[in-house]
Amino acid sequence: MMAKNLEISVLFDFYGDMLTDKQKDLIDLYYNQDLSLGEIAEIENITRQGVRDSIKRGEAYLLELEEKLGLLQRYKNLNKSLEKMQKIADDVAALGQKYRSLSLIDCANNIIKVKDEISSI
């Protein structure tokens, strides 16, 4: 049996609409609903091997899309940058508190505001 892979679930969230309807259904049942290949085969009235092959083709396509488009990697990089922005804002705010500087506190708040705006995109 295939080992379930969290990366495929995340890629499915990014690129699932690019799959065929059948691949989308089977991958959703396997990864998100946590059904076995045998259970899916019964539900879909196809062979277990047919389920496995379709899921494997879908996984390969999801990986290929990520390799070409890189949306998941960009998302991860963006989140790392946002975490760094938060750390900088926290450091600036701490300095503002230490030196009782309203301009530093305002600066920290503006960094957080921009970070939150970027996060909501």
Protein backbone atom coordinates (compact mmCIF):
# COMPACT_ATOMS: atom_id res chain seq x y z
CA MET A 1 0.00 0.00 0.00
CA MET A 2 1.14 3.55 -0.70
CA ALA A 3 2.32 5.50 2.31
CA LYS A 4 0.10 8.54 2.71
CA ASN A 5 2.07 11.69 2.14
CA LEU A 6 1.19 15.03 3.73
CA GLU A 7 2.90 16.85 0.87
CA ILE A 8 0.40 15.38 -1.60
CA SER A 9 -2.49 16.63 0.55
CA VAL A 10 -1.03 20.13 0.54
CA LEU A 11 -0.32 19.99 -3.20
CA PHE A 12 -3.90 18.83 -3.70
CA ASP A 13 -5.07 22.01 -1.93
CA PHE A 14 -2.99 24.11 -4.33
CA TYR A 15 -3.50 22.26 -7.60
CA GLY A 16 -6.45 19.90 -7.11
CA ASP A 17 -8.61 21.71 -9.64
CA MET A 18 -6.07 20.85 -12.33
CA LEU A 19 -6.76 17.11 -11.95
CA THR A 20 -9.44 15.17 -13.76
CA ASP A 21 -12.68 14.85 -11.82
CA LYS A 22 -11.98 11.15 -11.22
CA GLN A 23 -8.43 11.80 -9.94
CA LYS A 24 -9.73 14.61 -7.76
CA ASP A 25 -12.39 12.36 -6.24
CA LEU A 26 -10.02 9.44 -5.66
CA ILE A 27 -7.23 11.56 -4.16
CA ASP A 28 -9.74 13.31 -1.92
CA LEU A 29 -11.12 9.99 -0.69
CA TYR A 30 -7.65 8.57 -0.13
CA TYR A 31 -5.88 11.55 1.44
CA ASN A 32 -8.58 13.74 2.94
CA GLN A 33 -11.20 11.14 3.86
CA ASP A 34 -8.49 8.59 4.82
CA LEU A 35 -10.14 5.68 3.04
CA SER A 36 -8.18 2.62 1.97
CA LEU A 37 -7.68 1.66 -1.66
CA GLY A 38 -10.09 -1.25 -1.14
CA GLU A 39 -12.77 0.99 0.36
CA ILE A 40 -12.43 3.46 -2.50
CA ALA A 41 -12.59 0.63 -5.06
CA GLU A 42 -15.88 -0.54 -3.52
CA ILE A 43 -17.36 2.96 -3.50
CA GLU A 44 -16.26 3.73 -7.06
CA ASN A 45 -17.01 0.23 -8.36
CA ILE A 46 -13.53 -0.15 -9.88
CA THR A 47 -10.60 -2.38 -9.07
CA ARG A 48 -8.19 -1.62 -6.27
CA GLN A 49 -5.42 -1.49 -8.90
CA GLY A 50 -7.46 1.02 -10.91
CA VAL A 51 -7.77 3.22 -7.83
CA ARG A 52 -4.05 2.94 -7.14
CA ASP A 53 -3.07 3.74 -10.74
CA SER A 54 -5.34 6.77 -10.91
CA ILE A 55 -4.06 8.10 -7.58
CA LYS A 56 -0.44 7.56 -8.69
CA ARG A 57 -1.06 9.46 -11.95
CA GLY A 58 -2.72 12.27 -9.99
CA GLU A 59 0.17 12.43 -7.51
CA ALA A 60 2.69 12.56 -10.36
CA TYR A 61 0.76 15.41 -11.98
CA LEU A 62 0.56 17.36 -8.71
CA LEU A 63 4.32 16.98 -8.23
CA GLU A 64 4.93 18.04 -11.84
CA LEU A 65 2.78 21.15 -11.39
CA GLU A 66 4.69 22.11 -8.26
CA GLU A 67 8.00 21.56 -10.05
CA LYS A 68 6.90 23.83 -12.90
CA LEU A 69 4.91 26.48 -10.99
CA GLY A 70 6.37 26.35 -7.49
CA LEU A 71 3.31 27.78 -5.75
CA LEU A 72 3.75 25.68 -2.61
CA GLN A 73 7.41 26.64 -2.30
CA ARG A 74 6.54 30.31 -2.82
CA TYR A 75 3.85 30.02 -0.15
CA LYS A 76 6.34 28.48 2.30
CA ASN A 77 8.91 31.21 1.53
CA LEU A 78 6.30 33.92 2.01
CA ASN A 79 5.32 32.51 5.38
CA LYS A 80 8.96 32.43 6.49
CA SER A 81 9.33 36.07 5.46
CA LEU A 82 6.18 37.02 7.34
CA GLU A 83 7.50 35.30 10.45
CA LYS A 84 10.72 37.31 10.11
CA MET A 85 8.69 40.51 9.77
CA GLN A 86 6.82 39.67 12.96
CA LYS A 87 10.12 39.06 14.79
CA ILE A 88 11.50 42.40 13.58
CA ALA A 89 8.31 44.17 14.66
CA ASP A 90 8.49 42.51 18.07
CA ASP A 91 12.13 43.57 18.46
CA VAL A 92 11.38 47.16 17.42
CA ALA A 93 8.39 47.29 19.78
CA ALA A 94 10.55 45.99 22.64
CA LEU A 95 13.11 48.72 21.96
CA GLY A 96 10.31 51.28 21.86
CA GLN A 97 9.10 50.10 25.25
CA LYS A 98 12.61 50.05 26.69
CA TYR A 99 13.42 53.58 25.52
CA ARG A 100 9.86 54.86 25.80
CA SER A 101 9.92 55.80 22.13
CA LEU A 102 6.51 56.23 20.56
CA SER A 103 8.10 56.48 17.10
CA LEU A 104 9.63 53.00 17.49
CA ILE A 105 6.33 51.60 18.74
CA ASP A 106 4.53 53.22 15.79
CA CYS A 107 7.13 51.73 13.46
CA ALA A 108 6.55 48.26 14.92
CA ASN A 109 2.80 48.66 14.57
CA ASN A 110 3.21 49.70 10.94
CA ILE A 111 5.37 46.63 10.24
CA ILE A 112 2.69 44.41 11.78
CA LYS A 113 -0.02 46.17 9.75
CA VAL A 114 1.89 45.54 6.48
CA LYS A 115 2.57 41.93 7.50
CA ASP A 116 -1.14 41.39 8.19
CA GLU A 117 -2.08 42.97 4.85
CA ILE A 118 0.32 40.63 3.04
CA SER A 119 -1.00 37.65 5.00
CA SER A 120 -4.55 38.34 3.89
CA ILE A 121 -3.68 38.29 0.19
